[in-house]
Amino acid sequence: MIELKKILLVEDNLPDIELTLEALTESNLANRVVVAHDGVEAMEYLLCEGEFSNRKPENPAVILLDIKMPRMDGIEVLQAVKANSKLKLIPVVMLTSSREEPDLRKCYDLGVNAYVVKPVNFRDFFDAAQRLGVFWAVINERPNEE
């Protein structure tokens, strides 16, 4: 049986975590979702450090990344991921409430794959999360890891 790559959701807002997980589950994705509650936890997961030191060192299919978080924000995570030769090919989707032009520009300058502003409406947010999960975890083709 082929084990599907995980989705890494990096989000500090509990209602947004719950809604995203529900949307991904309802879209029948078989991918397991790992939740990191801030950027430091996300980097520890990606680098197999701290509480994740014993996990299988395999990159996720996609990182869904919020910008505004404590300890290490999403832009700092994006910068660290794209600067790391073992992580730089992981698709990163900013899933954020920020419509700020400097945030948008900075993310694209750093190599983000997509920038999605979280819809305010519950149903629209749910639909957006479903479409993101299906596209990046199932449809998108990526090169093999070395």
N, C-alpha and C. Protein backbone atom coordinates (compact mmCIF):
# COMPACT_ATOMS: atom_id res chain seq x y z
N MET A 1 0.83 -1.18 0.00
CA MET A 1 0.00 0.00 0.00
C MET A 1 0.88 1.25 0.00
N ILE A 2 0.60 2.18 -0.88
CA ILE A 2 1.37 3.41 -1.00
C ILE A 2 0.92 4.38 0.10
N GLU A 3 1.89 4.88 0.85
CA GLU A 3 1.58 5.88 1.87
C GLU A 3 1.66 7.25 1.23
N LEU A 4 0.56 8.01 1.32
CA LEU A 4 0.55 9.35 0.75
C LEU A 4 1.34 10.31 1.62
N LYS A 5 1.93 11.29 0.97
CA LYS A 5 2.67 12.30 1.72
C LYS A 5 1.71 13.12 2.57
N LYS A 6 2.22 13.59 3.67
CA LYS A 6 1.42 14.38 4.59
C LYS A 6 1.27 15.82 4.10
N ILE A 7 0.28 16.49 4.62
CA ILE A 7 0.09 17.93 4.42
C ILE A 7 0.50 18.57 5.73
N LEU A 8 1.33 19.61 5.68
CA LEU A 8 1.71 20.34 6.88
C LEU A 8 0.90 21.63 6.93
N LEU A 9 0.05 21.74 7.93
CA LEU A 9 -0.76 22.94 8.16
C LEU A 9 -0.10 23.72 9.29
N VAL A 10 0.31 24.94 9.01
CA VAL A 10 0.96 25.78 10.02
C VAL A 10 0.03 26.95 10.32
N GLU A 11 -0.61 26.86 11.47
CA GLU A 11 -1.68 27.81 11.81
C GLU A 11 -1.80 27.90 13.33
N ASP A 12 -1.96 29.10 13.86
CA ASP A 12 -2.09 29.26 15.31
C ASP A 12 -3.52 29.51 15.76
N ASN A 13 -4.44 29.70 14.83
CA ASN A 13 -5.84 30.00 15.17
C ASN A 13 -6.65 28.70 15.18
N LEU A 14 -7.11 28.30 16.38
CA LEU A 14 -7.80 27.02 16.53
C LEU A 14 -9.03 26.87 15.63
N PRO A 15 -9.93 27.88 15.54
CA PRO A 15 -11.08 27.72 14.63
C PRO A 15 -10.66 27.51 13.17
N ASP A 16 -9.60 28.19 12.71
CA ASP A 16 -9.13 28.00 11.34
C ASP A 16 -8.53 26.61 11.15
N ILE A 17 -7.85 26.10 12.19
CA ILE A 17 -7.31 24.73 12.12
C ILE A 17 -8.45 23.74 11.97
N GLU A 18 -9.46 23.86 12.84
CA GLU A 18 -10.59 22.93 12.82
C GLU A 18 -11.33 22.97 11.49
N LEU A 19 -11.56 24.16 10.97
CA LEU A 19 -12.28 24.31 9.71
C LEU A 19 -11.47 23.72 8.55
N THR A 20 -10.17 23.98 8.53
CA THR A 20 -9.32 23.44 7.46
C THR A 20 -9.28 21.92 7.52
N LEU A 21 -9.11 21.37 8.71
CA LEU A 21 -9.10 19.90 8.86
C LEU A 21 -10.42 19.29 8.42
N GLU A 22 -11.53 19.92 8.79
CA GLU A 22 -12.84 19.40 8.39
C GLU A 22 -13.00 19.45 6.87
N ALA A 23 -12.56 20.54 6.25
CA ALA A 23 -12.67 20.67 4.80
C ALA A 23 -11.82 19.62 4.08
N LEU A 24 -10.62 19.40 4.58
CA LEU A 24 -9.75 18.39 3.95
C LEU A 24 -10.30 16.99 4.13
N THR A 25 -10.89 16.72 5.28
CA THR A 25 -11.50 15.41 5.53
C THR A 25 -12.70 15.20 4.63
N GLU A 26 -13.53 16.23 4.50
CA GLU A 26 -14.75 16.10 3.69
C GLU A 26 -14.43 15.94 2.20
N SER A 27 -13.26 16.41 1.78
CA SER A 27 -12.89 16.24 0.37
C SER A 27 -12.30 14.86 0.10
N ASN A 28 -12.35 13.98 1.11
CA ASN A 28 -11.90 12.59 1.00
C ASN A 28 -10.42 12.45 0.68
N LEU A 29 -9.61 13.39 1.15
CA LEU A 29 -8.17 13.24 0.98
C LEU A 29 -7.69 12.17 1.95
N ALA A 30 -6.87 11.27 1.46
CA ALA A 30 -6.32 10.23 2.32
C ALA A 30 -5.05 10.72 3.00
N ASN A 31 -4.54 11.88 2.58
CA ASN A 31 -3.33 12.42 3.17
C ASN A 31 -3.56 12.77 4.64
N ARG A 32 -2.61 12.41 5.46
CA ARG A 32 -2.68 12.79 6.87
C ARG A 32 -2.23 14.24 6.99
N VAL A 33 -2.88 15.01 7.84
CA VAL A 33 -2.51 16.40 8.05
C VAL A 33 -1.79 16.52 9.39
N VAL A 34 -0.62 17.12 9.34
CA VAL A 34 0.14 17.42 10.55
C VAL A 34 -0.05 18.90 10.82
N VAL A 35 -0.39 19.25 12.06
CA VAL A 35 -0.60 20.65 12.42
C VAL A 35 0.57 21.14 13.27
N ALA A 36 1.15 22.25 12.84
CA ALA A 36 2.14 22.97 13.64
C ALA A 36 1.48 24.29 14.03
N HIS A 37 1.61 24.67 15.30
CA HIS A 37 0.90 25.83 15.81
C HIS A 37 1.67 27.14 15.70
N ASP A 38 2.90 27.07 15.22
CA ASP A 38 3.68 28.28 14.94
C ASP A 38 4.87 27.88 14.05
N GLY A 39 5.63 28.89 13.65
CA GLY A 39 6.72 28.64 12.74
C GLY A 39 7.85 27.81 13.31
N VAL A 40 8.13 27.98 14.60
CA VAL A 40 9.19 27.19 15.22
C VAL A 40 8.84 25.71 15.19
N GLU A 41 7.59 25.39 15.55
CA GLU A 41 7.15 24.00 15.51
C GLU A 41 7.19 23.45 14.08
N ALA A 42 6.82 24.28 13.11
CA ALA A 42 6.86 23.85 11.71
C ALA A 42 8.28 23.50 11.28
N MET A 43 9.24 24.34 11.64
CA MET A 43 10.63 24.09 11.25
C MET A 43 11.17 22.85 11.97
N GLU A 44 10.79 22.66 13.22
CA GLU A 44 11.21 21.45 13.92
C GLU A 44 10.67 20.21 13.22
N TYR A 45 9.42 20.27 12.76
CA TYR A 45 8.84 19.14 12.03
C TYR A 45 9.63 18.91 10.74
N LEU A 46 9.82 19.96 9.96
CA LEU A 46 10.48 19.82 8.67
C LEU A 46 11.92 19.34 8.79
N LEU A 47 12.60 19.75 9.85
CA LEU A 47 14.01 19.39 10.04
C LEU A 47 14.19 18.16 10.94
N CYS A 48 13.07 17.53 11.33
CA CYS A 48 13.11 16.34 12.20
C CYS A 48 13.87 16.63 13.49
N GLU A 49 13.51 17.71 14.14
CA GLU A 49 14.14 18.12 15.38
C GLU A 49 13.12 18.13 16.52
N GLY A 50 13.62 18.26 17.74
CA GLY A 50 12.74 18.36 18.91
C GLY A 50 11.83 17.16 19.01
N GLU A 51 10.54 17.42 19.24
CA GLU A 51 9.57 16.32 19.39
C GLU A 51 9.40 15.50 18.11
N PHE A 52 9.94 15.99 16.99
CA PHE A 52 9.81 15.28 15.71
C PHE A 52 11.11 14.58 15.31
N SER A 53 12.05 14.46 16.24
CA SER A 53 13.36 13.88 15.90
C SER A 53 13.28 12.42 15.46
N ASN A 54 12.23 11.72 15.83
CA ASN A 54 12.10 10.31 15.45
C ASN A 54 11.19 10.07 14.26
N ARG A 55 10.67 11.13 13.64
CA ARG A 55 9.77 10.91 12.50
C ARG A 55 10.57 10.54 11.25
N LYS A 56 9.90 9.85 10.33
CA LYS A 56 10.52 9.49 9.06
C LYS A 56 10.85 10.79 8.31
N PRO A 57 12.08 10.96 7.86
CA PRO A 57 12.48 12.22 7.21
C PRO A 57 11.97 12.32 5.77
N GLU A 58 10.68 12.57 5.65
CA GLU A 58 10.06 12.72 4.34
C GLU A 58 9.34 14.06 4.30
N ASN A 59 9.54 14.80 3.21
CA ASN A 59 8.90 16.10 3.09
C ASN A 59 7.40 15.96 2.86
N PRO A 60 6.62 16.93 3.35
CA PRO A 60 5.18 16.90 3.09
C PRO A 60 4.87 17.20 1.62
N ALA A 61 3.65 16.87 1.20
CA ALA A 61 3.21 17.15 -0.16
C ALA A 61 3.08 18.66 -0.38
N VAL A 62 2.69 19.37 0.68
CA VAL A 62 2.48 20.82 0.60
C VAL A 62 2.51 21.38 2.02
N ILE A 63 2.91 22.63 2.13
CA ILE A 63 2.82 23.36 3.40
C ILE A 63 1.77 24.44 3.22
N LEU A 64 0.72 24.39 4.06
CA LEU A 64 -0.29 25.46 4.11
C LEU A 64 0.11 26.34 5.27
N LEU A 65 0.46 27.59 5.00
CA LEU A 65 1.19 28.42 5.95
C LEU A 65 0.51 29.75 6.20
N ASP A 66 0.19 30.01 7.46
CA ASP A 66 -0.33 31.32 7.86
C ASP A 66 0.84 32.29 7.99
N ILE A 67 0.56 33.59 7.92
CA ILE A 67 1.64 34.58 8.08
C ILE A 67 1.77 35.02 9.53
N LYS A 68 0.70 35.49 10.11
CA LYS A 68 0.74 36.10 11.44
C LYS A 68 0.69 35.02 12.52
N MET A 69 1.88 34.69 13.08
CA MET A 69 1.97 33.67 14.13
C MET A 69 3.01 34.10 15.15
N PRO A 70 2.90 33.56 16.38
CA PRO A 70 3.91 33.87 17.39
C PRO A 70 5.22 33.13 17.12
N ARG A 71 6.26 33.54 17.79
CA ARG A 71 7.61 32.96 17.78
C ARG A 71 8.33 33.09 16.44
N MET A 72 7.74 32.59 15.38
CA MET A 72 8.34 32.67 14.03
C MET A 72 7.19 32.78 13.06
N ASP A 73 7.12 33.88 12.32
CA ASP A 73 5.96 34.07 11.44
C ASP A 73 6.11 33.29 10.13
N GLY A 74 5.05 33.28 9.34
CA GLY A 74 5.03 32.51 8.11
C GLY A 74 6.04 32.95 7.08
N ILE A 75 6.31 34.25 7.02
CA ILE A 75 7.30 34.73 6.05
C ILE A 75 8.69 34.23 6.43
N GLU A 76 8.99 34.18 7.73
CA GLU A 76 10.28 33.64 8.18
C GLU A 76 10.37 32.15 7.87
N VAL A 77 9.28 31.41 8.03
CA VAL A 77 9.26 29.99 7.70
C VAL A 77 9.48 29.81 6.20
N LEU A 78 8.76 30.56 5.39
CA LEU A 78 8.91 30.49 3.94
C LEU A 78 10.36 30.74 3.54
N GLN A 79 10.97 31.75 4.12
CA GLN A 79 12.36 32.09 3.81
C GLN A 79 13.29 30.93 4.18
N ALA A 80 13.08 30.33 5.34
CA ALA A 80 13.92 29.21 5.79
C ALA A 80 13.73 27.99 4.90
N VAL A 81 12.49 27.71 4.51
CA VAL A 81 12.21 26.56 3.65
C VAL A 81 12.87 26.73 2.29
N LYS A 82 12.70 27.88 1.67
CA LYS A 82 13.23 28.09 0.33
C LYS A 82 14.75 28.21 0.31
N ALA A 83 15.38 28.50 1.47
CA ALA A 83 16.84 28.59 1.56
C ALA A 83 17.48 27.23 1.86
N ASN A 84 16.68 26.23 2.19
CA ASN A 84 17.20 24.91 2.57
C ASN A 84 17.12 23.98 1.37
N SER A 85 18.26 23.44 0.96
CA SER A 85 18.31 22.60 -0.25
C SER A 85 17.43 21.35 -0.14
N LYS A 86 17.18 20.85 1.07
CA LYS A 86 16.35 19.66 1.24
C LYS A 86 14.86 19.98 1.31
N LEU A 87 14.52 21.25 1.49
CA LEU A 87 13.12 21.64 1.65
C LEU A 87 12.59 22.51 0.52
N LYS A 88 13.46 23.11 -0.24
CA LYS A 88 13.06 24.17 -1.17
C LYS A 88 12.06 23.76 -2.26
N LEU A 89 11.96 22.47 -2.57
CA LEU A 89 11.02 22.04 -3.60
C LEU A 89 9.62 21.75 -3.05
N ILE A 90 9.44 21.84 -1.74
CA ILE A 90 8.10 21.64 -1.17
C ILE A 90 7.22 22.81 -1.58
N PRO A 91 6.06 22.55 -2.18
CA PRO A 91 5.15 23.66 -2.48
C PRO A 91 4.67 24.31 -1.19
N VAL A 92 4.70 25.63 -1.18
CA VAL A 92 4.24 26.39 -0.02
C VAL A 92 3.10 27.30 -0.47
N VAL A 93 1.97 27.16 0.23
CA VAL A 93 0.80 28.00 -0.04
C VAL A 93 0.54 28.84 1.19
N MET A 94 0.63 30.16 1.02
CA MET A 94 0.26 31.05 2.13
C MET A 94 -1.26 31.03 2.20
N LEU A 95 -1.78 30.71 3.36
CA LEU A 95 -3.22 30.69 3.61
C LEU A 95 -3.42 31.65 4.77
N THR A 96 -3.73 32.90 4.45
CA THR A 96 -3.64 33.97 5.42
C THR A 96 -4.78 34.97 5.29
N SER A 97 -4.98 35.74 6.32
CA SER A 97 -5.99 36.80 6.27
C SER A 97 -5.38 38.12 5.79
N SER A 98 -4.06 38.15 5.60
CA SER A 98 -3.39 39.39 5.21
C SER A 98 -3.57 39.70 3.73
N ARG A 99 -4.12 40.87 3.48
CA ARG A 99 -4.23 41.38 2.12
C ARG A 99 -3.18 42.47 1.87
N GLU A 100 -2.22 42.58 2.77
CA GLU A 100 -1.21 43.63 2.69
C GLU A 100 -0.29 43.39 1.50
N GLU A 101 -0.16 44.40 0.65
CA GLU A 101 0.69 44.30 -0.54
C GLU A 101 2.14 43.94 -0.19
N PRO A 102 2.73 44.52 0.87
CA PRO A 102 4.11 44.12 1.20
C PRO A 102 4.23 42.62 1.55
N ASP A 103 3.23 42.07 2.24
CA ASP A 103 3.25 40.63 2.55
C ASP A 103 3.18 39.81 1.27
N LEU A 104 2.27 40.16 0.40
CA LEU A 104 2.10 39.46 -0.87
C LEU A 104 3.39 39.50 -1.69
N ARG A 105 3.94 40.68 -1.84
CA ARG A 105 5.17 40.84 -2.63
C ARG A 105 6.34 40.07 -2.01
N LYS A 106 6.50 40.17 -0.70
CA LYS A 106 7.60 39.49 -0.01
C LYS A 106 7.50 37.97 -0.21
N CYS A 107 6.28 37.44 -0.08
CA CYS A 107 6.09 35.99 -0.24
C CYS A 107 6.46 35.53 -1.65
N TYR A 108 6.03 36.28 -2.65
CA TYR A 108 6.39 35.89 -4.03
C TYR A 108 7.89 36.08 -4.28
N ASP A 109 8.48 37.13 -3.71
CA ASP A 109 9.93 37.30 -3.85
C ASP A 109 10.70 36.13 -3.26
N LEU A 110 10.14 35.54 -2.20
CA LEU A 110 10.81 34.41 -1.53
C LEU A 110 10.50 33.06 -2.18
N GLY A 111 9.58 33.03 -3.16
CA GLY A 111 9.32 31.80 -3.89
C GLY A 111 8.07 31.04 -3.50
N VAL A 112 7.09 31.72 -2.90
CA VAL A 112 5.84 31.03 -2.55
C VAL A 112 5.17 30.50 -3.82
N ASN A 113 4.48 29.39 -3.71
CA ASN A 113 3.81 28.80 -4.87
C ASN A 113 2.42 29.39 -5.08
N ALA A 114 1.77 29.81 -4.01
CA ALA A 114 0.45 30.43 -4.11
C ALA A 114 0.19 31.25 -2.85
N TYR A 115 -0.63 32.27 -3.01
CA TYR A 115 -0.99 33.16 -1.90
C TYR A 115 -2.50 33.25 -1.90
N VAL A 116 -3.13 32.69 -0.87
CA VAL A 116 -4.58 32.64 -0.80
C VAL A 116 -5.04 33.41 0.44
N VAL A 117 -5.88 34.41 0.23
CA VAL A 117 -6.45 35.16 1.35
C VAL A 117 -7.65 34.39 1.87
N LYS A 118 -7.64 34.12 3.18
CA LYS A 118 -8.73 33.36 3.79
C LYS A 118 -10.03 34.15 3.62
N PRO A 119 -11.03 33.53 3.03
CA PRO A 119 -12.33 34.19 2.93
C PRO A 119 -12.93 34.36 4.33
N VAL A 120 -13.65 35.44 4.53
CA VAL A 120 -14.30 35.70 5.81
C VAL A 120 -15.49 34.78 6.00
N ASN A 121 -16.21 34.51 4.92
CA ASN A 121 -17.41 33.68 4.97
C ASN A 121 -17.02 32.21 5.24
N PHE A 122 -17.72 31.58 6.18
CA PHE A 122 -17.45 30.20 6.59
C PHE A 122 -17.44 29.25 5.39
N ARG A 123 -18.49 29.27 4.58
CA ARG A 123 -18.61 28.33 3.46
C ARG A 123 -17.52 28.56 2.43
N ASP A 124 -17.20 29.84 2.15
CA ASP A 124 -16.15 30.15 1.19
C ASP A 124 -14.78 29.67 1.68
N PHE A 125 -14.52 29.83 2.98
CA PHE A 125 -13.27 29.36 3.55
C PHE A 125 -13.18 27.84 3.45
N PHE A 126 -14.26 27.17 3.78
CA PHE A 126 -14.34 25.72 3.71
C PHE A 126 -14.05 25.24 2.29
N ASP A 127 -14.71 25.85 1.31
CA ASP A 127 -14.52 25.47 -0.10
C ASP A 127 -13.08 25.72 -0.56
N ALA A 128 -12.52 26.86 -0.15
CA ALA A 128 -11.13 27.18 -0.53
C ALA A 128 -10.16 26.15 0.03
N ALA A 129 -10.34 25.77 1.29
CA ALA A 129 -9.46 24.78 1.91
C ALA A 129 -9.57 23.44 1.20
N GLN A 130 -10.77 23.04 0.82
CA GLN A 130 -10.95 21.78 0.09
C GLN A 130 -10.21 21.80 -1.24
N ARG A 131 -10.40 22.86 -1.99
CA ARG A 131 -9.76 22.96 -3.31
C ARG A 131 -8.24 22.98 -3.19
N LEU A 132 -7.72 23.70 -2.20
CA LEU A 132 -6.27 23.73 -1.99
C LEU A 132 -5.73 22.34 -1.70
N GLY A 133 -6.39 21.64 -0.80
CA GLY A 133 -5.93 20.30 -0.44
C GLY A 133 -5.92 19.35 -1.61
N VAL A 134 -6.98 19.34 -2.37
CA VAL A 134 -7.07 18.43 -3.51
C VAL A 134 -6.02 18.78 -4.56
N PHE A 135 -5.88 20.05 -4.89
CA PHE A 135 -4.91 20.42 -5.92
C PHE A 135 -3.48 20.08 -5.50
N TRP A 136 -3.05 20.58 -4.34
CA TRP A 136 -1.65 20.44 -3.96
C TRP A 136 -1.28 19.04 -3.50
N ALA A 137 -2.21 18.30 -2.91
CA ALA A 137 -1.87 16.97 -2.40
C ALA A 137 -2.14 15.85 -3.40
N VAL A 138 -3.01 16.09 -4.38
CA VAL A 138 -3.40 15.02 -5.31
C VAL A 138 -3.02 15.34 -6.75
N ILE A 139 -3.39 16.49 -7.24
CA ILE A 139 -3.24 16.81 -8.66
C ILE A 139 -1.83 17.28 -9.02
N ASN A 140 -1.25 18.11 -8.19
CA ASN A 140 0.06 18.71 -8.48
C ASN A 140 1.15 17.62 -8.58
N GLU A 141 1.98 17.72 -9.61
CA GLU A 141 3.11 16.81 -9.79
C GLU A 141 4.38 17.47 -9.29
N ARG A 142 5.19 16.70 -8.56
CA ARG A 142 6.46 17.21 -8.03
C ARG A 142 7.59 16.26 -8.40
N PRO A 143 8.82 16.79 -8.47
CA PRO A 143 9.95 15.90 -8.73
C PRO A 143 10.19 15.01 -7.51
N ASN A 144 10.84 13.88 -7.73
CA ASN A 144 11.19 12.99 -6.63
C ASN A 144 12.21 13.66 -5.72
N GLU A 145 12.14 13.33 -4.45
CA GLU A 145 13.14 13.83 -3.50
C GLU A 145 14.42 13.05 -3.70
N GLU A 146 15.53 13.71 -3.48
CA GLU A 146 16.84 13.03 -3.61
C GLU A 146 17.38 12.68 -2.27
